[in-house]
Amino acid sequence: MPRRNHADTIEVWRRILDSTDEDPKEYPELKPARTKLAKVYKRVAELRARQARLTAAKQAATREMQVLLEEGSKTANLLRVGLRLHHGNRSPKLIQHGVPPFRGGRPRKKKTDPQG
């Protein structure tokens, strides 16, 4: 028997509850099971609604965090540039602020002799 996803399972429960609700006198022996399923169905429906709200809240928090991370990165970069302007590119004081000082350029490549 193939597994069902949650939405399909809940839909099957809803149909069972709806069909057995039409004439409760017809299935008196199933009343306790139906009552229990109705409680479970109600709780699952509440949890699904809560899950949807939390998903939406999580997405909103993620969007806000992305905006703040971008803003923070720009501000931190501005501070790094300001510290370099204040102390100079090569100053060892930059290290205490977590900014690496400029140590020199890249080593130059040696020119190769075109005839060699």
Protein backbone atom coordinates (compact mmCIF):
# COMPACT_ATOMS: atom_id res chain seq x y z
CA MET A 1 0.00 0.00 0.00
CA PRO A 2 1.55 3.32 -1.04
CA ARG A 3 2.14 5.94 1.60
CA ARG A 4 -0.02 9.06 1.54
CA ASN A 5 1.10 12.56 2.25
CA HIS A 6 -0.42 14.41 5.19
CA ALA A 7 -2.88 16.41 3.14
CA ASP A 8 -4.31 13.26 1.53
CA THR A 9 -4.59 11.49 4.89
CA ILE A 10 -6.42 14.45 6.43
CA GLU A 11 -8.77 14.60 3.45
CA VAL A 12 -9.59 10.90 3.86
CA TRP A 13 -10.33 11.51 7.55
CA ARG A 14 -12.60 14.44 6.67
CA ARG A 15 -14.56 12.30 4.23
CA ILE A 16 -14.95 9.50 6.80
CA LEU A 17 -16.12 11.98 9.42
CA ASP A 18 -18.56 13.62 7.01
CA SER A 19 -20.02 10.33 5.84
CA THR A 20 -20.46 8.89 9.34
CA ASP A 21 -21.96 12.14 10.64
CA GLU A 22 -25.00 11.90 8.39
CA ASP A 23 -26.73 9.20 10.43
CA PRO A 24 -25.07 8.59 13.82
CA LYS A 25 -27.77 6.04 14.76
CA GLU A 26 -26.70 3.84 11.87
CA TYR A 27 -23.25 3.16 13.37
CA PRO A 28 -23.64 3.31 17.17
CA GLU A 29 -20.74 0.92 17.73
CA LEU A 30 -18.41 3.29 15.83
CA LYS A 31 -19.35 6.40 17.80
CA PRO A 32 -16.31 6.25 20.19
CA ALA A 33 -13.89 5.80 17.29
CA ARG A 34 -15.57 8.59 15.32
CA THR A 35 -15.41 10.91 18.32
CA LYS A 36 -11.73 10.13 18.78
CA LEU A 37 -11.00 10.69 15.07
CA ALA A 38 -12.90 13.99 15.20
CA LYS A 39 -10.68 15.16 18.08
CA VAL A 40 -7.52 14.09 16.29
CA TYR A 41 -8.71 15.71 13.05
CA LYS A 42 -9.46 18.98 14.84
CA ARG A 43 -6.04 19.03 16.51
CA VAL A 44 -4.24 18.22 13.26
CA ALA A 45 -6.15 21.03 11.52
CA GLU A 46 -5.07 23.44 14.28
CA LEU A 47 -1.47 22.32 13.98
CA ARG A 48 -1.49 22.71 10.20
CA ALA A 49 -2.81 26.26 10.57
CA ARG A 50 -0.12 26.96 13.17
CA GLN A 51 2.51 25.46 10.92
CA ALA A 52 1.41 27.72 8.06
CA ARG A 53 1.59 30.80 10.32
CA LEU A 54 5.04 29.81 11.53
CA THR A 55 6.24 29.21 7.98
CA ALA A 56 5.05 32.68 6.99
CA ALA A 57 6.71 34.17 10.07
CA LYS A 58 9.94 32.31 9.29
CA GLN A 59 9.93 33.62 5.72
CA ALA A 60 9.36 37.19 6.96
CA ALA A 61 12.17 36.84 9.49
CA THR A 62 14.49 35.48 6.79
CA ARG A 63 13.72 38.43 4.49
CA GLU A 64 14.31 40.91 7.31
CA MET A 65 17.54 39.16 8.28
CA GLN A 66 18.80 39.33 4.69
CA VAL A 67 18.11 43.07 4.56
CA LEU A 68 19.83 43.63 7.91
CA LEU A 69 22.84 41.49 6.95
CA GLU A 70 23.29 43.51 3.77
CA GLU A 71 22.94 46.78 5.66
CA GLY A 72 25.35 45.57 8.35
CA SER A 73 27.92 44.48 5.77
CA LYS A 74 27.82 47.89 4.10
CA THR A 75 28.15 49.65 7.47
CA ALA A 76 31.04 47.40 8.58
CA ASN A 77 32.81 48.10 5.29
CA LEU A 78 32.32 51.83 5.83
CA LEU A 79 33.87 51.50 9.30
CA ARG A 80 36.84 49.54 7.92
CA VAL A 81 37.46 52.21 5.29
CA GLY A 82 37.14 54.94 7.94
CA LEU A 83 39.65 53.18 10.20
CA ARG A 84 42.09 52.87 7.31
CA LEU A 85 41.68 56.58 6.53
CA HIS A 86 42.16 57.52 10.17
CA HIS A 87 45.15 55.28 10.99
CA GLY A 88 46.62 54.73 7.52
CA ASN A 89 46.66 51.60 5.34
CA ARG A 90 49.78 50.11 6.93
CA SER A 91 49.13 50.94 10.59
CA PRO A 92 49.38 48.03 13.06
CA LYS A 93 46.53 49.66 15.03
CA LEU A 94 44.17 48.30 12.38
CA ILE A 95 44.77 44.78 13.72
CA GLN A 96 43.05 45.57 17.03
CA HIS A 97 39.91 46.42 15.06
CA GLY A 98 40.06 43.25 13.02
CA VAL A 99 41.13 45.08 9.87
CA PRO A 100 44.21 43.64 8.15
CA PRO A 101 46.80 46.32 7.36
CA PHE A 102 48.20 46.64 3.88
CA ARG A 103 51.48 44.72 3.82
CA GLY A 104 52.60 45.45 0.30
CA GLY A 105 51.65 44.61 -3.23
CA ARG A 106 51.93 41.35 -5.03
CA PRO A 107 55.41 40.28 -5.97
CA ARG A 108 56.22 41.21 -9.54
CA LYS A 109 56.76 38.51 -12.06
CA LYS A 110 60.24 38.35 -13.43
CA LYS A 111 60.44 39.18 -17.07
CA THR A 112 61.51 36.23 -19.10
CA ASP A 113 64.01 36.71 -21.84
CA PRO A 114 62.08 36.28 -25.13
CA GLN A 115 65.15 34.81 -26.77
CA GLY A 116 65.87 32.38 -23.98
